[in-house]
Amino acid sequence: MDAVADAHVGLPELGGRDSLREQVAEALRNALIGGKLRSGVVYSAPALAEEFGVSATPVREAMIDLVRDGLFETVRNRGFRVAPLSARDLAELTELRELVEVPAVVRLAGAIPEAARERLRALADETAAAAEIGDLLHFLDADRRLHTELLGLTGNRTLVRTVLDLRYRSRMYSPARPATKERLASSAAEHRDLVEALVAGHADRAREIMMRHLDHVRNA
């Protein structure tokens, strides 16, 4: 039988903003890919709600959304547990990202609008700052926002949703190999290099960086 979580996970307190359901879902995704939610452990909506400082309803709704996304499984009359992810799952997700995400980003080479350049550079700097102090959750949040900004420049909303879902799923495997400051710093440096390659119109260089970025995930 699966263990039931009997200690705090270390989740942020929420409240006072719009769409608690979405906030909770995002926080749970970050906790998942940051290794705070463990495979084989059952988490109850009331216990998680207490940590978030909100009622159980938005937490339960968010968990149901994440079940639909395939990130969690429902345990009847007990709560929710992290859906298992195998090495084969990771390999298949990474292959899909290579087929979809890499060409989408590479096509942006030489086509980054002036207004977006400083936003992308600022986000790359934010990942570097988080890496320097080893703040994994802040790094992952800035990383997500940077890649969302990039993908959003394609103008294809379905592509954005698809790639972000693939990124979340593949990130689930990362706790098997805890991220060090060195690994985070390396990824942050790739963010900076990628932005500059795209701004300069260097498509081949951008493709090389993206493939190396995905190799980090594949070799987790």
N, C-alpha and C. Protein backbone atom coordinates (compact mmCIF):
# COMPACT_ATOMS: atom_id res chain seq x y z
N MET A 1 0.85 -1.20 0.00
CA MET A 1 0.00 0.00 0.00
C MET A 1 0.88 1.25 0.00
N ASP A 2 0.45 2.25 -0.72
CA ASP A 2 1.23 3.49 -0.78
C ASP A 2 1.26 4.18 0.57
N ALA A 3 2.40 4.83 0.85
CA ALA A 3 2.50 5.64 2.06
C ALA A 3 1.64 6.88 1.92
N VAL A 4 1.17 7.38 3.06
CA VAL A 4 0.40 8.63 3.07
C VAL A 4 1.29 9.72 3.64
N ALA A 5 1.34 10.86 2.96
CA ALA A 5 2.20 11.96 3.42
C ALA A 5 1.79 12.38 4.83
N ASP A 6 2.76 12.38 5.75
CA ASP A 6 2.45 12.76 7.13
C ASP A 6 3.26 13.95 7.60
N ALA A 7 3.93 14.63 6.65
CA ALA A 7 4.73 15.80 7.01
C ALA A 7 4.54 16.87 5.95
N HIS A 8 4.86 18.11 6.32
CA HIS A 8 4.73 19.20 5.37
C HIS A 8 5.63 18.98 4.17
N VAL A 9 5.11 19.35 3.01
CA VAL A 9 5.87 19.22 1.77
C VAL A 9 6.79 20.41 1.58
N GLY A 10 6.42 21.55 2.13
CA GLY A 10 7.20 22.78 1.95
C GLY A 10 6.66 23.61 0.82
N LEU A 11 5.33 23.75 0.77
CA LEU A 11 4.67 24.48 -0.29
C LEU A 11 4.48 25.94 0.10
N PRO A 12 4.42 26.83 -0.89
CA PRO A 12 4.22 28.25 -0.58
C PRO A 12 2.79 28.53 -0.17
N GLU A 13 2.58 29.51 0.68
CA GLU A 13 1.22 29.91 1.05
C GLU A 13 0.65 30.75 -0.08
N LEU A 14 -0.58 30.46 -0.45
CA LEU A 14 -1.24 31.18 -1.53
C LEU A 14 -2.41 31.97 -0.99
N GLY A 15 -3.02 32.75 -1.87
CA GLY A 15 -4.21 33.50 -1.47
C GLY A 15 -4.11 34.95 -1.87
N GLY A 16 -5.28 35.59 -2.03
CA GLY A 16 -5.31 37.01 -2.30
C GLY A 16 -5.15 37.37 -3.76
N ARG A 17 -5.11 36.35 -4.65
CA ARG A 17 -4.98 36.64 -6.07
C ARG A 17 -6.04 35.85 -6.84
N ASP A 18 -6.17 36.16 -8.13
CA ASP A 18 -7.17 35.50 -8.95
C ASP A 18 -6.79 34.05 -9.23
N SER A 19 -7.79 33.24 -9.51
CA SER A 19 -7.63 31.87 -9.98
C SER A 19 -6.75 31.03 -9.07
N LEU A 20 -7.24 30.76 -7.87
CA LEU A 20 -6.50 29.91 -6.94
C LEU A 20 -6.27 28.53 -7.53
N ARG A 21 -7.25 28.05 -8.27
CA ARG A 21 -7.11 26.72 -8.89
C ARG A 21 -5.86 26.67 -9.77
N GLU A 22 -5.65 27.69 -10.59
CA GLU A 22 -4.49 27.72 -11.47
C GLU A 22 -3.21 27.93 -10.68
N GLN A 23 -3.27 28.75 -9.64
CA GLN A 23 -2.09 28.97 -8.80
C GLN A 23 -1.66 27.66 -8.13
N VAL A 24 -2.64 26.94 -7.60
CA VAL A 24 -2.34 25.68 -6.93
C VAL A 24 -1.75 24.68 -7.92
N ALA A 25 -2.35 24.58 -9.10
CA ALA A 25 -1.85 23.65 -10.11
C ALA A 25 -0.41 23.97 -10.47
N GLU A 26 -0.12 25.26 -10.65
CA GLU A 26 1.24 25.66 -11.00
C GLU A 26 2.21 25.36 -9.86
N ALA A 27 1.79 25.64 -8.63
CA ALA A 27 2.65 25.37 -7.47
C ALA A 27 2.91 23.88 -7.32
N LEU A 28 1.90 23.05 -7.58
CA LEU A 28 2.06 21.61 -7.48
C LEU A 28 2.98 21.08 -8.58
N ARG A 29 2.86 21.65 -9.77
CA ARG A 29 3.79 21.25 -10.84
C ARG A 29 5.23 21.57 -10.45
N ASN A 30 5.44 22.76 -9.90
CA ASN A 30 6.79 23.15 -9.49
C ASN A 30 7.30 22.26 -8.36
N ALA A 31 6.40 21.92 -7.42
CA ALA A 31 6.80 21.04 -6.32
C ALA A 31 7.14 19.65 -6.84
N LEU A 32 6.41 19.23 -7.85
CA LEU A 32 6.64 17.92 -8.46
C LEU A 32 8.00 17.86 -9.13
N ILE A 33 8.28 18.83 -10.00
CA ILE A 33 9.54 18.79 -10.72
C ILE A 33 10.71 19.20 -9.85
N GLY A 34 10.42 19.83 -8.70
CA GLY A 34 11.48 20.15 -7.75
C GLY A 34 11.76 19.03 -6.77
N GLY A 35 11.01 17.91 -6.90
CA GLY A 35 11.24 16.76 -6.05
C GLY A 35 10.58 16.82 -4.69
N LYS A 36 9.71 17.80 -4.45
CA LYS A 36 9.05 17.91 -3.14
C LYS A 36 7.87 16.95 -3.01
N LEU A 37 7.30 16.54 -4.12
CA LEU A 37 6.24 15.53 -4.11
C LEU A 37 6.85 14.24 -4.62
N ARG A 38 6.71 13.16 -3.85
CA ARG A 38 7.45 11.94 -4.13
C ARG A 38 6.55 10.85 -4.69
N SER A 39 7.11 10.07 -5.59
CA SER A 39 6.39 8.94 -6.16
C SER A 39 6.09 7.92 -5.07
N GLY A 40 4.89 7.31 -5.13
CA GLY A 40 4.53 6.29 -4.16
C GLY A 40 3.94 6.83 -2.88
N VAL A 41 3.79 8.15 -2.77
CA VAL A 41 3.21 8.76 -1.58
C VAL A 41 1.84 9.34 -1.95
N VAL A 42 0.85 9.11 -1.10
CA VAL A 42 -0.49 9.63 -1.34
C VAL A 42 -0.63 10.98 -0.63
N TYR A 43 -1.10 11.97 -1.38
CA TYR A 43 -1.28 13.32 -0.83
C TYR A 43 -2.77 13.65 -0.81
N SER A 44 -3.24 14.14 0.32
CA SER A 44 -4.65 14.49 0.42
C SER A 44 -4.84 15.97 0.13
N ALA A 45 -5.98 16.29 -0.47
CA ALA A 45 -6.28 17.69 -0.78
C ALA A 45 -6.35 18.55 0.48
N PRO A 46 -7.00 18.11 1.57
CA PRO A 46 -7.06 18.94 2.78
C PRO A 46 -5.68 19.25 3.36
N ALA A 47 -4.78 18.25 3.36
CA ALA A 47 -3.44 18.47 3.92
C ALA A 47 -2.66 19.47 3.07
N LEU A 48 -2.75 19.35 1.75
CA LEU A 48 -2.06 20.28 0.86
C LEU A 48 -2.67 21.67 0.99
N ALA A 49 -4.00 21.73 1.13
CA ALA A 49 -4.69 23.02 1.26
C ALA A 49 -4.21 23.76 2.50
N GLU A 50 -3.98 23.01 3.58
CA GLU A 50 -3.51 23.64 4.81
C GLU A 50 -2.16 24.30 4.61
N GLU A 51 -1.28 23.64 3.85
CA GLU A 51 0.03 24.24 3.57
C GLU A 51 -0.09 25.48 2.70
N PHE A 52 -1.00 25.42 1.72
CA PHE A 52 -1.19 26.56 0.83
C PHE A 52 -1.91 27.71 1.53
N GLY A 53 -2.62 27.42 2.61
CA GLY A 53 -3.39 28.45 3.29
C GLY A 53 -4.68 28.79 2.56
N VAL A 54 -5.26 27.78 1.87
CA VAL A 54 -6.51 27.98 1.14
C VAL A 54 -7.45 26.84 1.51
N SER A 55 -8.69 26.91 1.00
CA SER A 55 -9.64 25.84 1.24
C SER A 55 -9.27 24.62 0.39
N ALA A 56 -9.87 23.49 0.72
CA ALA A 56 -9.55 22.26 0.01
C ALA A 56 -10.10 22.23 -1.42
N THR A 57 -11.15 23.03 -1.68
CA THR A 57 -11.82 22.96 -2.98
C THR A 57 -10.89 23.29 -4.16
N PRO A 58 -10.18 24.45 -4.17
CA PRO A 58 -9.30 24.72 -5.32
C PRO A 58 -8.16 23.73 -5.43
N VAL A 59 -7.72 23.17 -4.31
CA VAL A 59 -6.66 22.16 -4.37
C VAL A 59 -7.18 20.89 -5.02
N ARG A 60 -8.36 20.45 -4.61
CA ARG A 60 -8.95 19.25 -5.20
C ARG A 60 -9.19 19.45 -6.70
N GLU A 61 -9.67 20.64 -7.08
CA GLU A 61 -9.91 20.93 -8.49
C GLU A 61 -8.61 20.93 -9.27
N ALA A 62 -7.56 21.52 -8.69
CA ALA A 62 -6.25 21.55 -9.35
C ALA A 62 -5.69 20.14 -9.52
N MET A 63 -5.85 19.31 -8.48
CA MET A 63 -5.35 17.94 -8.57
C MET A 63 -6.08 17.16 -9.66
N ILE A 64 -7.38 17.39 -9.79
CA ILE A 64 -8.15 16.73 -10.85
C ILE A 64 -7.64 17.16 -12.22
N ASP A 65 -7.30 18.46 -12.36
CA ASP A 65 -6.73 18.94 -13.62
C ASP A 65 -5.41 18.22 -13.91
N LEU A 66 -4.59 18.02 -12.87
CA LEU A 66 -3.29 17.39 -13.06
C LEU A 66 -3.44 15.89 -13.31
N VAL A 67 -4.51 15.30 -12.82
CA VAL A 67 -4.81 13.90 -13.15
C VAL A 67 -5.12 13.80 -14.64
N ARG A 68 -5.91 14.74 -15.14
CA ARG A 68 -6.24 14.76 -16.58
C ARG A 68 -4.97 14.92 -17.42
N ASP A 69 -4.01 15.69 -16.89
CA ASP A 69 -2.76 15.91 -17.60
C ASP A 69 -1.82 14.71 -17.52
N GLY A 70 -2.19 13.73 -16.71
CA GLY A 70 -1.36 12.54 -16.58
C GLY A 70 -0.23 12.66 -15.58
N LEU A 71 -0.22 13.75 -14.79
CA LEU A 71 0.86 13.96 -13.83
C LEU A 71 0.60 13.27 -12.49
N PHE A 72 -0.69 13.07 -12.16
CA PHE A 72 -1.06 12.41 -10.91
C PHE A 72 -2.11 11.34 -11.20
N GLU A 73 -2.29 10.45 -10.24
CA GLU A 73 -3.32 9.43 -10.30
C GLU A 73 -4.23 9.57 -9.07
N THR A 74 -5.49 9.26 -9.23
CA THR A 74 -6.42 9.28 -8.11
C THR A 74 -6.34 7.97 -7.34
N VAL A 75 -6.26 8.07 -6.02
CA VAL A 75 -6.31 6.90 -5.15
C VAL A 75 -7.64 6.96 -4.42
N ARG A 76 -8.51 6.06 -4.74
CA ARG A 76 -9.90 6.10 -4.24
C ARG A 76 -9.96 6.24 -2.72
N ASN A 77 -10.73 7.23 -2.29
CA ASN A 77 -10.99 7.51 -0.87
C ASN A 77 -9.75 7.88 -0.06
N ARG A 78 -8.64 8.19 -0.75
CA ARG A 78 -7.41 8.51 -0.02
C ARG A 78 -6.77 9.81 -0.48
N GLY A 79 -6.74 10.06 -1.78
CA GLY A 79 -6.11 11.27 -2.26
C GLY A 79 -5.51 11.09 -3.64
N PHE A 80 -4.30 11.61 -3.82
CA PHE A 80 -3.65 11.59 -5.14
C PHE A 80 -2.18 11.20 -4.98
N ARG A 81 -1.66 10.53 -5.99
CA ARG A 81 -0.23 10.21 -5.97
C ARG A 81 0.39 10.55 -7.32
N VAL A 82 1.69 10.77 -7.31
CA VAL A 82 2.42 11.10 -8.52
C VAL A 82 2.39 9.92 -9.48
N ALA A 83 2.05 10.18 -10.74
CA ALA A 83 2.05 9.12 -11.74
C ALA A 83 3.49 8.69 -12.00
N PRO A 84 3.77 7.38 -12.05
CA PRO A 84 5.15 6.93 -12.28
C PRO A 84 5.62 7.26 -13.69
N LEU A 85 6.92 7.50 -13.82
CA LEU A 85 7.51 7.81 -15.12
C LEU A 85 8.75 6.94 -15.29
N SER A 86 8.79 6.18 -16.35
CA SER A 86 9.91 5.27 -16.59
C SER A 86 10.96 5.92 -17.48
N ALA A 87 12.12 5.26 -17.59
CA ALA A 87 13.17 5.74 -18.47
C ALA A 87 12.69 5.78 -19.92
N ARG A 88 11.87 4.81 -20.29
CA ARG A 88 11.31 4.80 -21.64
C ARG A 88 10.40 5.99 -21.86
N ASP A 89 9.57 6.30 -20.84
CA ASP A 89 8.70 7.48 -20.93
C ASP A 89 9.53 8.73 -21.19
N LEU A 90 10.62 8.87 -20.44
CA LEU A 90 11.47 10.05 -20.58
C LEU A 90 12.07 10.13 -21.97
N ALA A 91 12.56 8.99 -22.48
CA ALA A 91 13.16 8.96 -23.82
C ALA A 91 12.13 9.37 -24.88
N GLU A 92 10.90 8.87 -24.74
CA GLU A 92 9.87 9.20 -25.72
C GLU A 92 9.47 10.67 -25.65
N LEU A 93 9.35 11.20 -24.42
CA LEU A 93 9.02 12.61 -24.26
C LEU A 93 10.10 13.51 -24.85
N THR A 94 11.36 13.13 -24.61
CA THR A 94 12.47 13.93 -25.12
C THR A 94 12.50 13.90 -26.65
N GLU A 95 12.21 12.75 -27.21
CA GLU A 95 12.16 12.64 -28.68
C GLU A 95 11.07 13.55 -29.25
N LEU A 96 9.91 13.55 -28.59
CA LEU A 96 8.82 14.43 -29.04
C LEU A 96 9.23 15.89 -28.97
N ARG A 97 9.94 16.26 -27.89
CA ARG A 97 10.38 17.64 -27.75
C ARG A 97 11.36 18.01 -28.86
N GLU A 98 12.21 17.07 -29.22
CA GLU A 98 13.15 17.34 -30.33
C GLU A 98 12.40 17.58 -31.63
N LEU A 99 11.33 16.82 -31.83
CA LEU A 99 10.58 16.92 -33.08
C LEU A 99 9.72 18.18 -33.15
N VAL A 100 9.25 18.65 -31.98
CA VAL A 100 8.31 19.77 -31.96
C VAL A 100 8.96 21.07 -31.48
N GLU A 101 9.62 21.02 -30.33
CA GLU A 101 10.13 22.24 -29.70
C GLU A 101 11.34 22.82 -30.44
N VAL A 102 12.28 21.96 -30.81
CA VAL A 102 13.51 22.47 -31.43
C VAL A 102 13.24 23.23 -32.73
N PRO A 103 12.54 22.64 -33.71
CA PRO A 103 12.29 23.40 -34.94
C PRO A 103 11.46 24.67 -34.71
N ALA A 104 10.54 24.62 -33.74
CA ALA A 104 9.72 25.81 -33.46
C ALA A 104 10.59 26.96 -32.99
N VAL A 105 11.55 26.67 -32.09
CA VAL A 105 12.44 27.71 -31.57
C VAL A 105 13.42 28.16 -32.64
N VAL A 106 13.98 27.22 -33.38
CA VAL A 106 14.98 27.56 -34.39
C VAL A 106 14.40 28.48 -35.46
N ARG A 107 13.12 28.30 -35.79
CA ARG A 107 12.48 29.16 -36.79
C ARG A 107 12.43 30.63 -36.36
N LEU A 108 12.64 30.87 -35.07
CA LEU A 108 12.62 32.25 -34.58
C LEU A 108 13.93 32.98 -34.81
N ALA A 109 14.96 32.26 -35.26
CA ALA A 109 16.26 32.89 -35.49
C ALA A 109 16.14 34.05 -36.47
N GLY A 110 16.58 35.22 -36.05
CA GLY A 110 16.51 36.41 -36.89
C GLY A 110 15.14 37.05 -36.91
N ALA A 111 14.18 36.51 -36.12
CA ALA A 111 12.82 37.04 -36.16
C ALA A 111 12.33 37.43 -34.76
N ILE A 112 13.25 37.67 -33.83
CA ILE A 112 12.87 38.08 -32.48
C ILE A 112 12.56 39.58 -32.49
N PRO A 113 11.34 39.98 -32.19
CA PRO A 113 10.99 41.41 -32.20
C PRO A 113 11.84 42.19 -31.19
N GLU A 114 12.10 43.41 -31.51
CA GLU A 114 12.91 44.27 -30.64
C GLU A 114 12.35 44.30 -29.22
N ALA A 115 11.02 44.40 -29.12
CA ALA A 115 10.39 44.52 -27.80
C ALA A 115 10.57 43.27 -26.95
N ALA A 116 10.76 42.11 -27.59
CA ALA A 116 10.88 40.86 -26.84
C ALA A 116 12.31 40.58 -26.40
N ARG A 117 13.28 41.22 -27.02
CA ARG A 117 14.69 40.88 -26.75
C ARG A 117 15.08 41.13 -25.32
N GLU A 118 14.75 42.27 -24.79
CA GLU A 118 15.14 42.59 -23.42
C GLU A 118 14.39 41.73 -22.41
N ARG A 119 13.13 41.38 -22.73
CA ARG A 119 12.39 40.49 -21.83
C ARG A 119 13.07 39.13 -21.75
N LEU A 120 13.49 38.62 -22.90
CA LEU A 120 14.16 37.32 -22.94
C LEU A 120 15.50 37.37 -22.22
N ARG A 121 16.23 38.46 -22.44
CA ARG A 121 17.53 38.60 -21.75
C ARG A 121 17.35 38.68 -20.24
N ALA A 122 16.30 39.41 -19.82
CA ALA A 122 16.03 39.55 -18.39
C ALA A 122 15.67 38.20 -17.77
N LEU A 123 14.90 37.39 -18.49
CA LEU A 123 14.54 36.07 -17.99
C LEU A 123 15.75 35.15 -17.94
N ALA A 124 16.62 35.25 -18.94
CA ALA A 124 17.86 34.46 -18.92
C ALA A 124 18.71 34.85 -17.73
N ASP A 125 18.79 36.15 -17.45
CA ASP A 125 19.54 36.63 -16.28
C ASP A 125 18.90 36.14 -14.98
N GLU A 126 17.57 36.04 -14.98
CA GLU A 126 16.88 35.57 -13.78
C GLU A 126 17.21 34.11 -13.50
N THR A 127 17.29 33.30 -14.55
CA THR A 127 17.68 31.90 -14.34
C THR A 127 19.10 31.81 -13.81
N ALA A 128 19.98 32.69 -14.31
CA ALA A 128 21.37 32.69 -13.85
C ALA A 128 21.46 33.08 -12.38
N ALA A 129 20.67 34.06 -11.97
CA ALA A 129 20.69 34.50 -10.57
C ALA A 129 20.18 33.40 -9.65
N ALA A 130 19.13 32.69 -10.09
CA ALA A 130 18.60 31.59 -9.29
C ALA A 130 19.60 30.45 -9.22
N ALA A 131 20.29 30.19 -10.32
CA ALA A 131 21.29 29.12 -10.34
C ALA A 131 22.44 29.42 -9.40
N GLU A 132 22.82 30.68 -9.33
CA GLU A 132 23.96 31.07 -8.50
C GLU A 132 23.73 30.76 -7.02
N ILE A 133 22.49 30.85 -6.58
CA ILE A 133 22.20 30.57 -5.16
C ILE A 133 21.56 29.19 -4.97
N GLY A 134 21.46 28.42 -6.06
CA GLY A 134 20.92 27.08 -5.97
C GLY A 134 19.44 27.03 -5.69
N ASP A 135 18.69 28.06 -6.11
CA ASP A 135 17.24 28.12 -5.88
C ASP A 135 16.54 27.41 -7.04
N LEU A 136 16.30 26.10 -6.88
CA LEU A 136 15.77 25.30 -7.98
C LEU A 136 14.38 25.75 -8.42
N LEU A 137 13.48 25.98 -7.47
CA LEU A 137 12.12 26.33 -7.85
C LEU A 137 12.06 27.67 -8.56
N HIS A 138 12.84 28.65 -8.10
CA HIS A 138 12.90 29.94 -8.79
C HIS A 138 13.50 29.75 -10.18
N PHE A 139 14.53 28.92 -10.27
CA PHE A 139 15.14 28.65 -11.58
C PHE A 139 14.11 28.04 -12.53
N LEU A 140 13.38 27.03 -12.05
CA LEU A 140 12.41 26.36 -12.91
C LEU A 140 11.29 27.31 -13.34
N ASP A 141 10.88 28.19 -12.44
CA ASP A 141 9.83 29.15 -12.78
C ASP A 141 10.31 30.13 -13.86
N ALA A 142 11.53 30.65 -13.69
CA ALA A 142 12.08 31.57 -14.69
C ALA A 142 12.33 30.84 -16.01
N ASP A 143 12.79 29.61 -15.92
CA ASP A 143 13.01 28.78 -17.11
C ASP A 143 11.71 28.60 -17.88
N ARG A 144 10.63 28.28 -17.15
CA ARG A 144 9.33 28.10 -17.80
C ARG A 144 8.87 29.39 -18.47
N ARG A 145 9.02 30.52 -17.78
CA ARG A 145 8.57 31.78 -18.35
C ARG A 145 9.40 32.17 -19.58
N LEU A 146 10.69 31.87 -19.56
CA LEU A 146 11.52 32.18 -20.71
C LEU A 146 11.09 31.36 -21.93
N HIS A 147 10.91 30.06 -21.73
CA HIS A 147 10.53 29.21 -22.86
C HIS A 147 9.10 29.50 -23.32
N THR A 148 8.23 29.88 -22.39
CA THR A 148 6.87 30.27 -22.77
C THR A 148 6.90 31.53 -23.63
N GLU A 149 7.74 32.48 -23.24
CA GLU A 149 7.89 33.72 -24.01
C GLU A 149 8.39 33.41 -25.42
N LEU A 150 9.40 32.56 -25.50
CA LEU A 150 9.94 32.18 -26.80
C LEU A 150 8.89 31.51 -27.67
N LEU A 151 8.25 30.49 -27.12
CA LEU A 151 7.26 29.75 -27.90
C LEU A 151 6.08 30.63 -28.28
N GLY A 152 5.74 31.57 -27.40
CA GLY A 152 4.64 32.48 -27.70
C GLY A 152 4.90 33.33 -28.94
N LEU A 153 6.18 33.55 -29.23
CA LEU A 153 6.54 34.35 -30.42
C LEU A 153 6.21 33.62 -31.73
N THR A 154 5.94 32.31 -31.65
CA THR A 154 5.55 31.58 -32.86
C THR A 154 4.11 31.92 -33.24
N GLY A 155 3.33 32.42 -32.28
CA GLY A 155 1.93 32.75 -32.55
C GLY A 155 1.02 31.54 -32.56
N ASN A 156 1.56 30.36 -32.22
CA ASN A 156 0.78 29.12 -32.25
C ASN A 156 0.46 28.70 -30.82
N ARG A 157 -0.76 28.97 -30.37
CA ARG A 157 -1.14 28.69 -28.99
C ARG A 157 -1.15 27.19 -28.68
N THR A 158 -1.57 26.38 -29.65
CA THR A 158 -1.59 24.94 -29.45
C THR A 158 -0.18 24.40 -29.29
N LEU A 159 0.74 24.94 -30.05
CA LEU A 159 2.14 24.54 -29.93
C LEU A 159 2.66 24.87 -28.53
N VAL A 160 2.33 26.07 -28.03
CA VAL A 160 2.79 26.48 -26.71
C VAL A 160 2.29 25.51 -25.65
N ARG A 161 0.98 25.21 -25.68
CA ARG A 161 0.40 24.29 -24.69
C ARG A 161 1.02 22.91 -24.78
N THR A 162 1.23 22.43 -26.00
CA THR A 162 1.79 21.09 -26.21
C THR A 162 3.20 20.99 -25.68
N VAL A 163 4.04 21.96 -26.02
CA VAL A 163 5.44 21.91 -25.59
C VAL A 163 5.55 22.08 -24.09
N LEU A 164 4.77 22.97 -23.50
CA LEU A 164 4.84 23.16 -22.05
C LEU A 164 4.41 21.89 -21.33
N ASP A 165 3.42 21.19 -21.87
CA ASP A 165 3.00 19.93 -21.27
C ASP A 165 4.13 18.90 -21.36
N LEU A 166 4.79 18.82 -22.51
CA LEU A 166 5.92 17.88 -22.66
C LEU A 166 7.05 18.24 -21.71
N ARG A 167 7.29 19.53 -21.51
CA ARG A 167 8.35 19.96 -20.61
C ARG A 167 8.02 19.55 -19.16
N TYR A 168 6.77 19.77 -18.75
CA TYR A 168 6.38 19.37 -17.39
C TYR A 168 6.56 17.87 -17.20
N ARG A 169 6.10 17.10 -18.17
CA ARG A 169 6.17 15.65 -18.03
C ARG A 169 7.62 15.16 -17.97
N SER A 170 8.47 15.72 -18.81
CA SER A 170 9.87 15.28 -18.80
C SER A 170 10.59 15.75 -17.55
N ARG A 171 10.18 16.89 -17.00
CA ARG A 171 10.80 17.40 -15.76
C ARG A 171 10.49 16.50 -14.58
N MET A 172 9.41 15.74 -14.64
CA MET A 172 9.05 14.86 -13.54
C MET A 172 10.17 13.87 -13.22
N TYR A 173 11.00 13.57 -14.19
CA TYR A 173 12.06 12.57 -14.01
C TYR A 173 13.29 13.17 -13.37
N SER A 174 13.41 14.50 -13.36
CA SER A 174 14.65 15.15 -12.93
C SER A 174 15.03 14.92 -11.47
N PRO A 175 14.07 14.72 -10.52
CA PRO A 175 14.50 14.50 -9.14
C PRO A 175 15.36 13.27 -8.96
N ALA A 176 15.36 12.31 -9.94
CA ALA A 176 16.21 11.13 -9.83
C ALA A 176 17.68 11.53 -9.78
N ARG A 177 18.00 12.69 -10.34
CA ARG A 177 19.36 13.19 -10.31
C ARG A 177 19.29 14.64 -9.85
N PRO A 178 19.42 14.90 -8.55
CA PRO A 178 19.24 16.25 -8.02
C PRO A 178 20.10 17.28 -8.75
N ALA A 179 19.50 18.41 -9.04
CA ALA A 179 20.21 19.46 -9.76
C ALA A 179 21.22 20.15 -8.85
N THR A 180 22.45 20.23 -9.31
CA THR A 180 23.49 20.94 -8.58
C THR A 180 23.56 22.37 -9.08
N LYS A 181 24.25 23.23 -8.34
CA LYS A 181 24.45 24.60 -8.79
C LYS A 181 25.15 24.63 -10.13
N GLU A 182 26.09 23.69 -10.32
CA GLU A 182 26.85 23.65 -11.58
C GLU A 182 25.93 23.33 -12.75
N ARG A 183 25.03 22.36 -12.56
CA ARG A 183 24.10 22.00 -13.64
C ARG A 183 23.15 23.15 -13.95
N LEU A 184 22.66 23.80 -12.90
CA LEU A 184 21.76 24.94 -13.10
C LEU A 184 22.49 26.08 -13.81
N ALA A 185 23.75 26.32 -13.40
CA ALA A 185 24.53 27.40 -14.02
C ALA A 185 24.78 27.10 -15.49
N SER A 186 25.03 25.83 -15.81
CA SER A 186 25.25 25.44 -17.20
C SER A 186 24.00 25.69 -18.04
N SER A 187 22.84 25.32 -17.50
CA SER A 187 21.59 25.55 -18.22
C SER A 187 21.31 27.04 -18.38
N ALA A 188 21.61 27.82 -17.34
CA ALA A 188 21.39 29.27 -17.40
C ALA A 188 22.28 29.90 -18.48
N ALA A 189 23.52 29.42 -18.58
CA ALA A 189 24.42 29.93 -19.61
C ALA A 189 23.88 29.60 -21.00
N GLU A 190 23.28 28.42 -21.14
CA GLU A 190 22.68 28.04 -22.42
C GLU A 190 21.50 28.95 -22.76
N HIS A 191 20.75 29.35 -21.74
CA HIS A 191 19.65 30.29 -21.98
C HIS A 191 20.17 31.58 -22.61
N ARG A 192 21.21 32.12 -22.02
CA ARG A 192 21.79 33.37 -22.54
C ARG A 192 22.29 33.18 -23.96
N ASP A 193 23.02 32.07 -24.19
CA ASP A 193 23.56 31.80 -25.52
C ASP A 193 22.44 31.62 -26.55
N LEU A 194 21.36 30.95 -26.14
CA LEU A 194 20.24 30.71 -27.05
C LEU A 194 19.59 32.02 -27.45
N VAL A 195 19.33 32.88 -26.49
CA VAL A 195 18.70 34.17 -26.79
C VAL A 195 19.57 34.96 -27.76
N GLU A 196 20.86 35.02 -27.50
CA GLU A 196 21.75 35.81 -28.37
C GLU A 196 21.85 35.19 -29.76
N ALA A 197 21.85 33.86 -29.85
CA ALA A 197 21.91 33.20 -31.15
C ALA A 197 20.65 33.51 -31.96
N LEU A 198 19.50 33.50 -31.30
CA LEU A 198 18.26 33.79 -32.00
C LEU A 198 18.19 35.24 -32.44
N VAL A 199 18.61 36.14 -31.56
CA VAL A 199 18.61 37.56 -31.90
C VAL A 199 19.53 37.83 -33.09
N ALA A 200 20.67 37.14 -33.11
CA ALA A 200 21.65 37.34 -34.19
C ALA A 200 21.28 36.60 -35.47
N GLY A 201 20.26 35.75 -35.40
CA GLY A 201 19.84 35.02 -36.60
C GLY A 201 20.67 33.79 -36.89
N HIS A 202 21.34 33.24 -35.88
CA HIS A 202 22.20 32.06 -36.08
C HIS A 202 21.39 30.79 -35.80
N ALA A 203 20.70 30.31 -36.81
CA ALA A 203 19.80 29.16 -36.65
C ALA A 203 20.55 27.89 -36.26
N ASP A 204 21.68 27.63 -36.90
CA ASP A 204 22.43 26.40 -36.59
C ASP A 204 22.92 26.41 -35.14
N ARG A 205 23.38 27.57 -34.70
CA ARG A 205 23.85 27.69 -33.32
C ARG A 205 22.68 27.49 -32.35
N ALA A 206 21.53 28.05 -32.67
CA ALA A 206 20.35 27.88 -31.82
C ALA A 206 19.94 26.42 -31.74
N ARG A 207 19.99 25.72 -32.88
CA ARG A 207 19.64 24.29 -32.88
C ARG A 207 20.61 23.49 -32.02
N GLU A 208 21.88 23.81 -32.12
CA GLU A 208 22.90 23.11 -31.32
C GLU A 208 22.64 23.29 -29.82
N ILE A 209 22.31 24.52 -29.43
CA ILE A 209 22.07 24.80 -28.01
C ILE A 209 20.81 24.08 -27.53
N MET A 210 19.75 24.10 -28.34
CA MET A 210 18.52 23.43 -27.96
C MET A 210 18.73 21.92 -27.81
N MET A 211 19.48 21.31 -28.71
CA MET A 211 19.72 19.88 -28.62
C MET A 211 20.55 19.55 -27.37
N ARG A 212 21.51 20.40 -27.04
CA ARG A 212 22.30 20.19 -25.83
C ARG A 212 21.43 20.34 -24.59
N HIS A 213 20.51 21.32 -24.65
CA HIS A 213 19.57 21.56 -23.56
C HIS A 213 18.76 20.28 -23.29
N LEU A 214 18.29 19.65 -24.35
CA LEU A 214 17.48 18.44 -24.21
C LEU A 214 18.32 17.24 -23.80
N ASP A 215 19.59 17.25 -24.15
CA ASP A 215 20.47 16.16 -23.71
C ASP A 215 20.56 16.11 -22.19
N HIS A 216 20.49 17.29 -21.54
CA HIS A 216 20.53 17.32 -20.07
C HIS A 216 19.34 16.55 -19.51
N VAL A 217 18.19 16.70 -20.16
CA VAL A 217 16.98 16.00 -19.71
C VAL A 217 17.12 14.51 -19.98
N ARG A 218 17.57 14.16 -21.18
CA ARG A 218 17.68 12.76 -21.57
C ARG A 218 18.63 12.00 -20.66
N ASN A 219 19.69 12.67 -20.21
CA ASN A 219 20.72 12.01 -19.39
C ASN A 219 20.47 12.15 -17.90
N ALA A 220 19.25 12.63 -17.53
CA ALA A 220 18.94 12.79 -16.10
C ALA A 220 19.02 11.47 -15.36
